[in-house]
Amino acid sequence: MAFMTDIYEHIMHYKKEGKDCVLITAVDKTGEGPVEVGKKLLVGEDGTMIGTVGGGNLEYHAVDKAGTLFKSRQNVLEKYLLNKGEVVPEAKTLPMVCGGVVTLFYEFIGAKEYVYLFGAGHVSQALAKVLKTMDFHLTVIDEREVVLEKFDGADRKVLESFATFIDNEPIRDDSFIVVCTPSHKYDYHVINKVLERSLKPKYMGMLCSLKKLREYIDRTYETFGREIDLSNFYSPIGLDIGGGSPEEIAISIASEMLAVSHGKTGHKHMRETADDKHRYWED
């Protein structure tokens, strides 16, 4: 019982820290094999392993399989024949001599997406209320203590200057970055820092007007050259659905983020309202 408690305590720790893990459970077994039904192995994205599903080639393969799920973020059920050279329907044969058949269930445990909100103002607060209904992990960064204290719904609140946060902490690959700081100067600092460090977010959106966007794009080309890849940059941010209140803007942004998350196309993005000279994602 203490062993099982340890596994679930680690799961809670990972969730609190905003880290992914995969829980592997032996759910069926026939014949001989090194694991009993109900045995569990927890694999963290940092390589930590708690528990066992029998060791040997079975566990080696299980850990390797778990590693692929951090990318696909899916649950999987797989059957294994523990008998080298033999074949049974719908089972993968492993180089073992036990002779039994074991079924493992791989449960991915993690947020749907990881989001970094730069700026804790009205739009970010409204956006957080929408995203938290869909199991997004939210980190909000702001250097204004009073504003940050009032922010509700974040998994993590960081009191720090915006660009400094990027220097001090790793931004996850394939994460979502939303930039709506209290000043366009700070917005530019964040986006430039992401480009400068060659980070790889899935989505990077900035709240601004078309006029401010034109100024920023021109300055970005001067700094980084026209070869810079801005295909995952969305500014003005959001889908073109109308409305100007923080809540309406938040729905627009959340809709765009979901479209990107699910790989959906055919929507009209606000960035498509830019003039031909500043259609940066097509360069």
C-alpha atoms as a PDB file:
ATOM      1  CA  MET A   1       0.000   0.000   0.000  1.00  0.00           C
ATOM      2  CA  ALA A   2       2.870   2.394   0.796  1.00  0.00           C
ATOM      3  CA  PHE A   3       4.362   1.643  -2.617  1.00  0.00           C
ATOM      4  CA  MET A   4       1.121   2.571  -4.404  1.00  0.00           C
ATOM      5  CA  THR A   5       0.796   5.712  -2.303  1.00  0.00           C
ATOM      6  CA  ASP A   6       4.308   6.699  -3.367  1.00  0.00           C
ATOM      7  CA  ILE A   7       3.355   6.437  -7.038  1.00  0.00           C
ATOM      8  CA  TYR A   8       0.243   8.581  -6.639  1.00  0.00           C
ATOM      9  CA  GLU A   9       2.129  11.128  -4.560  1.00  0.00           C
ATOM     10  CA  HIS A  10       4.620  11.431  -7.419  1.00  0.00           C
ATOM     11  CA  ILE A  11       1.756  11.898  -9.885  1.00  0.00           C
ATOM     12  CA  MET A  12       0.382  14.751  -7.785  1.00  0.00           C
ATOM     13  CA  HIS A  13       3.870  16.254  -7.571  1.00  0.00           C
ATOM     14  CA  TYR A  14       4.242  16.163 -11.356  1.00  0.00           C
ATOM     15  CA  LYS A  15       0.837  17.772 -11.857  1.00  0.00           C
ATOM     16  CA  LYS A  16       1.651  20.519  -9.371  1.00  0.00           C
ATOM     17  CA  GLU A  17       4.983  21.214 -11.070  1.00  0.00           C
ATOM     18  CA  GLY A  18       3.431  21.216 -14.536  1.00  0.00           C
ATOM     19  CA  LYS A  19       5.326  18.125 -15.692  1.00  0.00           C
ATOM     20  CA  ASP A  20       4.085  15.153 -17.696  1.00  0.00           C
ATOM     21  CA  CYS A  21       4.284  11.486 -16.760  1.00  0.00           C
ATOM     22  CA  VAL A  22       3.070   8.112 -18.023  1.00  0.00           C
ATOM     23  CA  LEU A  23       1.554   5.502 -15.718  1.00  0.00           C
ATOM     24  CA  ILE A  24       2.015   1.944 -17.011  1.00  0.00           C
ATOM     25  CA  THR A  25      -0.237  -0.751 -15.548  1.00  0.00           C
ATOM     26  CA  ALA A  26      -0.265  -4.504 -16.178  1.00  0.00           C
ATOM     27  CA  VAL A  27      -3.961  -5.130 -16.852  1.00  0.00           C
ATOM     28  CA  ASP A  28      -3.905  -8.735 -18.116  1.00  0.00           C
ATOM     29  CA  LYS A  29      -1.628 -11.760 -18.098  1.00  0.00           C
ATOM     30  CA  THR A  30      -1.843 -15.358 -19.306  1.00  0.00           C
ATOM     31  CA  GLY A  31       0.872 -17.941 -18.864  1.00  0.00           C
ATOM     32  CA  GLU A  32       4.277 -17.310 -17.341  1.00  0.00           C
ATOM     33  CA  GLY A  33       5.793 -13.860 -17.002  1.00  0.00           C
ATOM     34  CA  PRO A  34       7.717 -11.554 -14.663  1.00  0.00           C
ATOM     35  CA  VAL A  35       4.803  -9.287 -13.727  1.00  0.00           C
ATOM     36  CA  GLU A  36       1.467  -9.709 -11.990  1.00  0.00           C
ATOM     37  CA  VAL A  37      -1.762  -7.951 -12.941  1.00  0.00           C
ATOM     38  CA  GLY A  38      -2.034  -4.602 -11.179  1.00  0.00           C
ATOM     39  CA  LYS A  39       1.685  -3.850 -11.033  1.00  0.00           C
ATOM     40  CA  LYS A  40       2.525  -0.274 -12.024  1.00  0.00           C
ATOM     41  CA  LEU A  41       5.465   1.740 -13.300  1.00  0.00           C
ATOM     42  CA  LEU A  42       5.459   5.539 -13.366  1.00  0.00           C
ATOM     43  CA  VAL A  43       7.768   7.208 -15.895  1.00  0.00           C
ATOM     44  CA  GLY A  44       8.335  10.962 -15.576  1.00  0.00           C
ATOM     45  CA  GLU A  45       9.341  13.234 -18.410  1.00  0.00           C
ATOM     46  CA  ASP A  46      12.545  13.874 -16.466  1.00  0.00           C
ATOM     47  CA  GLY A  47      13.442  10.161 -16.653  1.00  0.00           C
ATOM     48  CA  THR A  48      12.433   9.310 -13.090  1.00  0.00           C
ATOM     49  CA  MET A  49      10.930   5.822 -12.685  1.00  0.00           C
ATOM     50  CA  ILE A  50       8.868   4.602  -9.731  1.00  0.00           C
ATOM     51  CA  GLY A  51       7.616   1.011  -9.515  1.00  0.00           C
ATOM     52  CA  THR A  52       8.040  -1.887 -11.942  1.00  0.00           C
ATOM     53  CA  VAL A  53       6.251  -3.977 -14.542  1.00  0.00           C
ATOM     54  CA  GLY A  54       8.603  -6.911 -14.187  1.00  0.00           C
ATOM     55  CA  GLY A  55      11.987  -5.721 -15.367  1.00  0.00           C
ATOM     56  CA  GLY A  56      13.904  -7.232 -18.264  1.00  0.00           C
ATOM     57  CA  ASN A  57      12.967  -6.695 -21.905  1.00  0.00           C
ATOM     58  CA  LEU A  58       9.323  -6.095 -21.046  1.00  0.00           C
ATOM     59  CA  GLU A  59      10.120  -3.135 -18.818  1.00  0.00           C
ATOM     60  CA  TYR A  60      12.798  -1.860 -21.208  1.00  0.00           C
ATOM     61  CA  HIS A  61      10.241  -1.805 -24.028  1.00  0.00           C
ATOM     62  CA  ALA A  62       7.602  -0.261 -21.750  1.00  0.00           C
ATOM     63  CA  VAL A  63       9.876   2.634 -20.783  1.00  0.00           C
ATOM     64  CA  ASP A  64      10.811   3.186 -24.436  1.00  0.00           C
ATOM     65  CA  LYS A  65       7.134   3.203 -25.426  1.00  0.00           C
ATOM     66  CA  ALA A  66       6.304   5.655 -22.641  1.00  0.00           C
ATOM     67  CA  GLY A  67       8.899   8.013 -24.078  1.00  0.00           C
ATOM     68  CA  THR A  68       6.965   8.255 -27.352  1.00  0.00           C
ATOM     69  CA  LEU A  69       3.768   9.196 -25.536  1.00  0.00           C
ATOM     70  CA  PHE A  70       5.211  12.448 -24.214  1.00  0.00           C
ATOM     71  CA  LYS A  71       5.010  13.629 -27.827  1.00  0.00           C
ATOM     72  CA  SER A  72       1.698  12.058 -28.894  1.00  0.00           C
ATOM     73  CA  ARG A  73       0.058  12.692 -25.481  1.00  0.00           C
ATOM     74  CA  GLN A  74      -2.211   9.664 -25.913  1.00  0.00           C
ATOM     75  CA  ASN A  75      -3.274   6.595 -23.939  1.00  0.00           C
ATOM     76  CA  VAL A  76      -2.324   3.207 -25.410  1.00  0.00           C
ATOM     77  CA  LEU A  77      -3.148  -0.448 -24.730  1.00  0.00           C
ATOM     78  CA  GLU A  78      -0.549  -2.981 -25.950  1.00  0.00           C
ATOM     79  CA  LYS A  79      -0.214  -6.757 -25.738  1.00  0.00           C
ATOM     80  CA  TYR A  80       3.158  -8.531 -25.606  1.00  0.00           C
ATOM     81  CA  LEU A  81       4.165 -12.133 -26.220  1.00  0.00           C
ATOM     82  CA  LEU A  82       7.116 -12.999 -24.001  1.00  0.00           C
ATOM     83  CA  ASN A  83       8.480 -15.704 -26.284  1.00  0.00           C
ATOM     84  CA  LYS A  84      11.160 -14.987 -28.876  1.00  0.00           C
ATOM     85  CA  GLY A  85      10.389 -16.356 -32.311  1.00  0.00           C
ATOM     86  CA  GLU A  86       6.674 -17.009 -31.637  1.00  0.00           C
ATOM     87  CA  VAL A  87       3.682 -15.055 -32.908  1.00  0.00           C
ATOM     88  CA  VAL A  88       0.170 -14.518 -31.531  1.00  0.00           C
ATOM     89  CA  PRO A  89      -2.531 -12.245 -33.005  1.00  0.00           C
ATOM     90  CA  GLU A  90      -2.433  -8.553 -32.039  1.00  0.00           C
ATOM     91  CA  ALA A  91       0.664  -8.952 -29.840  1.00  0.00           C
ATOM     92  CA  LYS A  92       4.213  -7.715 -30.138  1.00  0.00           C
ATOM     93  CA  THR A  93       6.823 -10.398 -29.649  1.00  0.00           C
ATOM     94  CA  LEU A  94       9.616  -9.550 -27.224  1.00  0.00           C
ATOM     95  CA  PRO A  95      12.981 -11.363 -26.994  1.00  0.00           C
ATOM     96  CA  MET A  96      12.103 -13.295 -23.826  1.00  0.00           C
ATOM     97  CA  VAL A  97      11.599 -16.977 -22.963  1.00  0.00           C
ATOM     98  CA  CYS A  98       8.833 -16.797 -20.336  1.00  0.00           C
ATOM     99  CA  GLY A  99       6.167 -17.812 -22.835  1.00  0.00           C
ATOM    100  CA  GLY A 100       3.296 -15.791 -21.388  1.00  0.00           C
ATOM    101  CA  VAL A 101       1.260 -12.902 -22.775  1.00  0.00           C
ATOM    102  CA  VAL A 102       1.054  -9.580 -20.908  1.00  0.00           C
ATOM    103  CA  THR A 103      -1.121  -6.554 -21.662  1.00  0.00           C
ATOM    104  CA  LEU A 104       0.032  -3.113 -20.526  1.00  0.00           C
ATOM    105  CA  PHE A 105      -2.041   0.051 -20.373  1.00  0.00           C
ATOM    106  CA  TYR A 106      -0.116   3.287 -20.881  1.00  0.00           C
ATOM    107  CA  GLU A 107      -1.896   6.306 -19.379  1.00  0.00           C
ATOM    108  CA  PHE A 108      -0.531   9.710 -20.336  1.00  0.00           C
ATOM    109  CA  ILE A 109      -0.937  12.144 -17.441  1.00  0.00           C
ATOM    110  CA  GLY A 110      -0.395  15.788 -18.226  1.00  0.00           C
ATOM    111  CA  ALA A 111      -2.033  19.024 -19.292  1.00  0.00           C
ATOM    112  CA  LYS A 112      -3.748  19.332 -22.649  1.00  0.00           C
ATOM    113  CA  GLU A 113      -1.399  22.179 -23.527  1.00  0.00           C
ATOM    114  CA  TYR A 114       1.111  24.342 -21.656  1.00  0.00           C
ATOM    115  CA  VAL A 115       0.468  28.076 -21.867  1.00  0.00           C
ATOM    116  CA  TYR A 116       2.624  31.038 -20.869  1.00  0.00           C
ATOM    117  CA  LEU A 117       0.672  34.257 -20.354  1.00  0.00           C
ATOM    118  CA  PHE A 118       2.939  37.303 -20.383  1.00  0.00           C
ATOM    119  CA  GLY A 119       0.898  39.978 -18.644  1.00  0.00           C
ATOM    120  CA  ALA A 120      -1.776  39.496 -15.977  1.00  0.00           C
ATOM    121  CA  GLY A 121      -4.220  42.157 -17.138  1.00  0.00           C
ATOM    122  CA  HIS A 122      -7.895  41.967 -18.060  1.00  0.00           C
ATOM    123  CA  VAL A 123      -7.510  39.976 -21.291  1.00  0.00           C
ATOM    124  CA  SER A 124      -5.191  37.393 -19.716  1.00  0.00           C
ATOM    125  CA  GLN A 125      -7.556  37.004 -16.757  1.00  0.00           C
ATOM    126  CA  ALA A 126     -10.532  36.474 -19.075  1.00  0.00           C
ATOM    127  CA  LEU A 127      -8.508  34.026 -21.188  1.00  0.00           C
ATOM    128  CA  ALA A 128      -7.454  32.041 -18.121  1.00  0.00           C
ATOM    129  CA  LYS A 129     -11.095  31.516 -17.131  1.00  0.00           C
ATOM    130  CA  VAL A 130     -11.777  29.974 -20.548  1.00  0.00           C
ATOM    131  CA  LEU A 131      -8.653  27.830 -20.831  1.00  0.00           C
ATOM    132  CA  LYS A 132      -8.894  26.332 -17.338  1.00  0.00           C
ATOM    133  CA  THR A 133     -12.171  24.658 -18.300  1.00  0.00           C
ATOM    134  CA  MET A 134     -10.151  22.583 -20.808  1.00  0.00           C
ATOM    135  CA  ASP A 135      -7.208  21.440 -18.659  1.00  0.00           C
ATOM    136  CA  PHE A 136      -4.608  23.857 -20.024  1.00  0.00           C
ATOM    137  CA  HIS A 137      -1.655  24.410 -17.683  1.00  0.00           C
ATOM    138  CA  LEU A 138      -1.249  28.158 -17.205  1.00  0.00           C
ATOM    139  CA  THR A 139       1.858  30.044 -16.131  1.00  0.00           C
ATOM    140  CA  VAL A 140       1.282  33.785 -15.834  1.00  0.00           C
ATOM    141  CA  ILE A 141       4.231  36.189 -15.673  1.00  0.00           C
ATOM    142  CA  ASP A 142       4.055  39.823 -14.603  1.00  0.00           C
ATOM    143  CA  GLU A 143       6.315  42.282 -12.825  1.00  0.00           C
ATOM    144  CA  ARG A 144       3.390  44.118 -11.205  1.00  0.00           C
ATOM    145  CA  GLU A 145       2.862  42.500  -7.818  1.00  0.00           C
ATOM    146  CA  VAL A 146      -0.551  44.024  -7.153  1.00  0.00           C
ATOM    147  CA  VAL A 147      -1.922  42.878 -10.525  1.00  0.00           C
ATOM    148  CA  LEU A 148      -0.451  39.401 -10.180  1.00  0.00           C
ATOM    149  CA  GLU A 149      -1.906  38.924  -6.694  1.00  0.00           C
ATOM    150  CA  LYS A 150      -5.407  39.508  -8.059  1.00  0.00           C
ATOM    151  CA  PHE A 151      -4.994  37.028 -10.921  1.00  0.00           C
ATOM    152  CA  ASP A 152      -7.197  33.964 -10.534  1.00  0.00           C
ATOM    153  CA  GLY A 153      -6.933  30.554 -12.195  1.00  0.00           C
ATOM    154  CA  ALA A 154      -3.216  30.239 -12.930  1.00  0.00           C
ATOM    155  CA  ASP A 155      -1.397  27.039 -12.061  1.00  0.00           C
ATOM    156  CA  ARG A 156       1.668  29.158 -11.448  1.00  0.00           C
ATOM    157  CA  LYS A 157       2.203  32.879 -10.956  1.00  0.00           C
ATOM    158  CA  VAL A 158       5.674  34.334 -11.469  1.00  0.00           C
ATOM    159  CA  LEU A 159       6.619  37.821 -10.252  1.00  0.00           C
ATOM    160  CA  GLU A 160       9.422  38.748 -12.624  1.00  0.00           C
ATOM    161  CA  SER A 161      10.187  40.998 -15.573  1.00  0.00           C
ATOM    162  CA  PHE A 162       8.932  39.462 -18.794  1.00  0.00           C
ATOM    163  CA  ALA A 163      12.136  38.962 -20.780  1.00  0.00           C
ATOM    164  CA  THR A 164      14.066  37.920 -17.675  1.00  0.00           C
ATOM    165  CA  PHE A 165      11.678  35.010 -17.169  1.00  0.00           C
ATOM    166  CA  ILE A 166      12.640  33.635 -20.581  1.00  0.00           C
ATOM    167  CA  ASP A 167      16.327  33.981 -19.713  1.00  0.00           C
ATOM    168  CA  ASN A 168      15.899  32.203 -16.388  1.00  0.00           C
ATOM    169  CA  GLU A 169      13.496  29.384 -17.209  1.00  0.00           C
ATOM    170  CA  PRO A 170      13.056  26.990 -20.129  1.00  0.00           C
ATOM    171  CA  ILE A 171      10.002  27.490 -22.322  1.00  0.00           C
ATOM    172  CA  ARG A 172       8.562  24.134 -23.340  1.00  0.00           C
ATOM    173  CA  ASP A 173       8.765  23.107 -26.975  1.00  0.00           C
ATOM    174  CA  ASP A 174       5.304  23.036 -28.595  1.00  0.00           C
ATOM    175  CA  SER A 175       3.864  25.275 -25.895  1.00  0.00           C
ATOM    176  CA  PHE A 176       1.590  28.298 -26.361  1.00  0.00           C
ATOM    177  CA  ILE A 177       2.829  31.826 -25.677  1.00  0.00           C
ATOM    178  CA  VAL A 178       0.348  34.688 -25.319  1.00  0.00           C
ATOM    179  CA  VAL A 179       1.831  38.173 -25.050  1.00  0.00           C
ATOM    180  CA  CYS A 180      -0.350  40.978 -23.680  1.00  0.00           C
ATOM    181  CA  THR A 181       1.888  43.001 -21.371  1.00  0.00           C
ATOM    182  CA  PRO A 182       1.020  46.565 -20.257  1.00  0.00           C
ATOM    183  CA  SER A 183       3.358  48.068 -22.880  1.00  0.00           C
ATOM    184  CA  HIS A 184       4.172  47.306 -26.517  1.00  0.00           C
ATOM    185  CA  LYS A 185       7.816  47.774 -25.544  1.00  0.00           C
ATOM    186  CA  TYR A 186       7.556  44.781 -23.231  1.00  0.00           C
ATOM    187  CA  ASP A 187       5.596  42.821 -25.854  1.00  0.00           C
ATOM    188  CA  TYR A 188       8.443  43.298 -28.305  1.00  0.00           C
ATOM    189  CA  HIS A 189      11.002  42.303 -25.669  1.00  0.00           C
ATOM    190  CA  VAL A 190       9.218  38.978 -25.132  1.00  0.00           C
ATOM    191  CA  ILE A 191       8.819  38.114 -28.821  1.00  0.00           C
ATOM    192  CA  ASN A 192      12.374  39.170 -29.636  1.00  0.00           C
ATOM    193  CA  LYS A 193      13.730  37.074 -26.774  1.00  0.00           C
ATOM    194  CA  VAL A 194      11.859  34.009 -28.065  1.00  0.00           C
ATOM    195  CA  LEU A 195      13.281  34.562 -31.554  1.00  0.00           C
ATOM    196  CA  GLU A 196      16.756  35.348 -30.245  1.00  0.00           C
ATOM    197  CA  ARG A 197      16.893  32.098 -28.260  1.00  0.00           C
ATOM    198  CA  SER A 198      15.433  30.049 -31.152  1.00  0.00           C
ATOM    199  CA  LEU A 199      12.697  28.676 -28.909  1.00  0.00           C
ATOM    200  CA  LYS A 200      10.106  26.386 -30.473  1.00  0.00           C
ATOM    201  CA  PRO A 201       6.584  27.190 -29.289  1.00  0.00           C
ATOM    202  CA  LYS A 202       3.668  25.766 -31.232  1.00  0.00           C
ATOM    203  CA  TYR A 203       1.913  29.115 -31.013  1.00  0.00           C
ATOM    204  CA  MET A 204       3.011  32.654 -30.225  1.00  0.00           C
ATOM    205  CA  GLY A 205       0.367  35.367 -30.193  1.00  0.00           C
ATOM    206  CA  MET A 206       0.652  39.070 -29.477  1.00  0.00           C
ATOM    207  CA  LEU A 207      -2.169  41.478 -28.655  1.00  0.00           C
ATOM    208  CA  CYS A 208      -1.730  44.636 -30.725  1.00  0.00           C
ATOM    209  CA  SER A 209      -3.219  46.839 -33.424  1.00  0.00           C
ATOM    210  CA  LEU A 210      -2.378  46.531 -37.125  1.00  0.00           C
ATOM    211  CA  LYS A 211      -0.416  49.794 -36.916  1.00  0.00           C
ATOM    212  CA  LYS A 212       1.742  48.508 -34.061  1.00  0.00           C
ATOM    213  CA  LEU A 213       2.161  45.187 -35.863  1.00  0.00           C
ATOM    214  CA  ARG A 214       3.517  46.899 -38.970  1.00  0.00           C
ATOM    215  CA  GLU A 215       6.071  48.758 -36.858  1.00  0.00           C
ATOM    216  CA  TYR A 216       7.079  45.559 -35.084  1.00  0.00           C
ATOM    217  CA  ILE A 217       7.405  43.455 -38.238  1.00  0.00           C
ATOM    218  CA  ASP A 218       9.570  46.104 -39.924  1.00  0.00           C
ATOM    219  CA  ARG A 219      11.847  46.247 -36.859  1.00  0.00           C
ATOM    220  CA  THR A 220      11.951  42.439 -36.634  1.00  0.00           C
ATOM    221  CA  TYR A 221      13.099  42.133 -40.243  1.00  0.00           C
ATOM    222  CA  GLU A 222      15.790  44.744 -39.555  1.00  0.00           C
ATOM    223  CA  THR A 223      17.006  42.788 -36.518  1.00  0.00           C
ATOM    224  CA  PHE A 224      16.688  39.177 -37.656  1.00  0.00           C
ATOM    225  CA  GLY A 225      16.463  39.434 -41.458  1.00  0.00           C
ATOM    226  CA  ARG A 226      13.546  38.518 -43.692  1.00  0.00           C
ATOM    227  CA  GLU A 227      14.478  34.825 -43.441  1.00  0.00           C
ATOM    228  CA  ILE A 228      13.188  34.643 -39.860  1.00  0.00           C
ATOM    229  CA  ASP A 229      10.430  32.038 -39.507  1.00  0.00           C
ATOM    230  CA  LEU A 230       7.256  33.700 -38.193  1.00  0.00           C
ATOM    231  CA  SER A 231       4.812  31.028 -39.351  1.00  0.00           C
ATOM    232  CA  ASN A 232       3.742  30.261 -35.754  1.00  0.00           C
ATOM    233  CA  PHE A 233       3.380  33.957 -34.856  1.00  0.00           C
ATOM    234  CA  TYR A 234      -0.211  35.218 -34.647  1.00  0.00           C
ATOM    235  CA  SER A 235      -0.665  38.965 -34.425  1.00  0.00           C
ATOM    236  CA  PRO A 236      -3.062  40.612 -34.239  1.00  0.00           C
ATOM    237  CA  ILE A 237      -3.977  37.686 -32.041  1.00  0.00           C
ATOM    238  CA  GLY A 238      -7.180  35.661 -32.281  1.00  0.00           C
ATOM    239  CA  LEU A 239      -9.801  34.663 -34.821  1.00  0.00           C
ATOM    240  CA  ASP A 240     -11.783  37.368 -36.615  1.00  0.00           C
ATOM    241  CA  ILE A 241     -15.103  36.845 -34.814  1.00  0.00           C
ATOM    242  CA  GLY A 242     -15.784  40.437 -33.719  1.00  0.00           C
ATOM    243  CA  GLY A 243     -16.090  42.056 -30.297  1.00  0.00           C
ATOM    244  CA  GLY A 244     -13.744  44.241 -28.304  1.00  0.00           C
ATOM    245  CA  SER A 245     -14.311  43.481 -24.622  1.00  0.00           C
ATOM    246  CA  PRO A 246     -11.702  41.457 -22.688  1.00  0.00           C
ATOM    247  CA  GLU A 247     -14.118  38.525 -22.571  1.00  0.00           C
ATOM    248  CA  GLU A 248     -14.819  38.647 -26.330  1.00  0.00           C
ATOM    249  CA  ILE A 249     -11.117  38.961 -27.119  1.00  0.00           C
ATOM    250  CA  ALA A 250     -10.423  35.996 -24.827  1.00  0.00           C
ATOM    251  CA  ILE A 251     -12.928  33.831 -26.740  1.00  0.00           C
ATOM    252  CA  SER A 252     -11.255  34.890 -29.998  1.00  0.00           C
ATOM    253  CA  ILE A 253      -7.802  33.951 -28.668  1.00  0.00           C
ATOM    254  CA  ALA A 254      -8.943  30.666 -27.124  1.00  0.00           C
ATOM    255  CA  SER A 255     -10.634  29.698 -30.394  1.00  0.00           C
ATOM    256  CA  GLU A 256      -7.440  30.357 -32.322  1.00  0.00           C
ATOM    257  CA  MET A 257      -5.381  28.371 -29.823  1.00  0.00           C
ATOM    258  CA  LEU A 258      -7.760  25.414 -30.087  1.00  0.00           C
ATOM    259  CA  ALA A 259      -7.608  25.535 -33.884  1.00  0.00           C
ATOM    260  CA  VAL A 260      -3.813  25.387 -33.744  1.00  0.00           C
ATOM    261  CA  SER A 261      -3.844  22.701 -31.041  1.00  0.00           C
ATOM    262  CA  HIS A 262      -6.124  20.454 -33.115  1.00  0.00           C
ATOM    263  CA  GLY A 263      -4.495  21.278 -36.449  1.00  0.00           C
ATOM    264  CA  LYS A 264      -7.663  22.784 -37.883  1.00  0.00           C
ATOM    265  CA  THR A 265      -7.549  25.181 -40.847  1.00  0.00           C
ATOM    266  CA  GLY A 266     -10.011  27.283 -42.808  1.00  0.00           C
ATOM    267  CA  HIS A 267     -10.656  29.891 -40.111  1.00  0.00           C
ATOM    268  CA  LYS A 268     -10.084  33.602 -40.612  1.00  0.00           C
ATOM    269  CA  HIS A 269      -7.298  34.710 -38.300  1.00  0.00           C
ATOM    270  CA  MET A 270      -6.922  38.346 -37.299  1.00  0.00           C
ATOM    271  CA  ARG A 271      -3.392  38.341 -38.712  1.00  0.00           C
ATOM    272  CA  GLU A 272      -4.938  37.859 -42.179  1.00  0.00           C
ATOM    273  CA  THR A 273      -6.279  41.426 -41.990  1.00  0.00           C
ATOM    274  CA  ALA A 274      -2.716  42.737 -42.450  1.00  0.00           C
ATOM    275  CA  ASP A 275      -1.729  44.401 -45.733  1.00  0.00           C
ATOM    276  CA  ASP A 276       0.262  42.490 -48.359  1.00  0.00           C
ATOM    277  CA  LYS A 277       3.590  43.953 -47.229  1.00  0.00           C
ATOM    278  CA  HIS A 278       3.178  42.616 -43.709  1.00  0.00           C
ATOM    279  CA  ARG A 279       1.841  39.091 -44.322  1.00  0.00           C
ATOM    280  CA  TYR A 280       4.881  37.801 -42.464  1.00  0.00           C
ATOM    281  CA  TRP A 281       3.707  34.175 -42.134  1.00  0.00           C
ATOM    282  CA  GLU A 282       3.778  33.763 -45.923  1.00  0.00           C
ATOM    283  CA  ASP A 283       7.422  34.859 -46.383  1.00  0.00           C
END
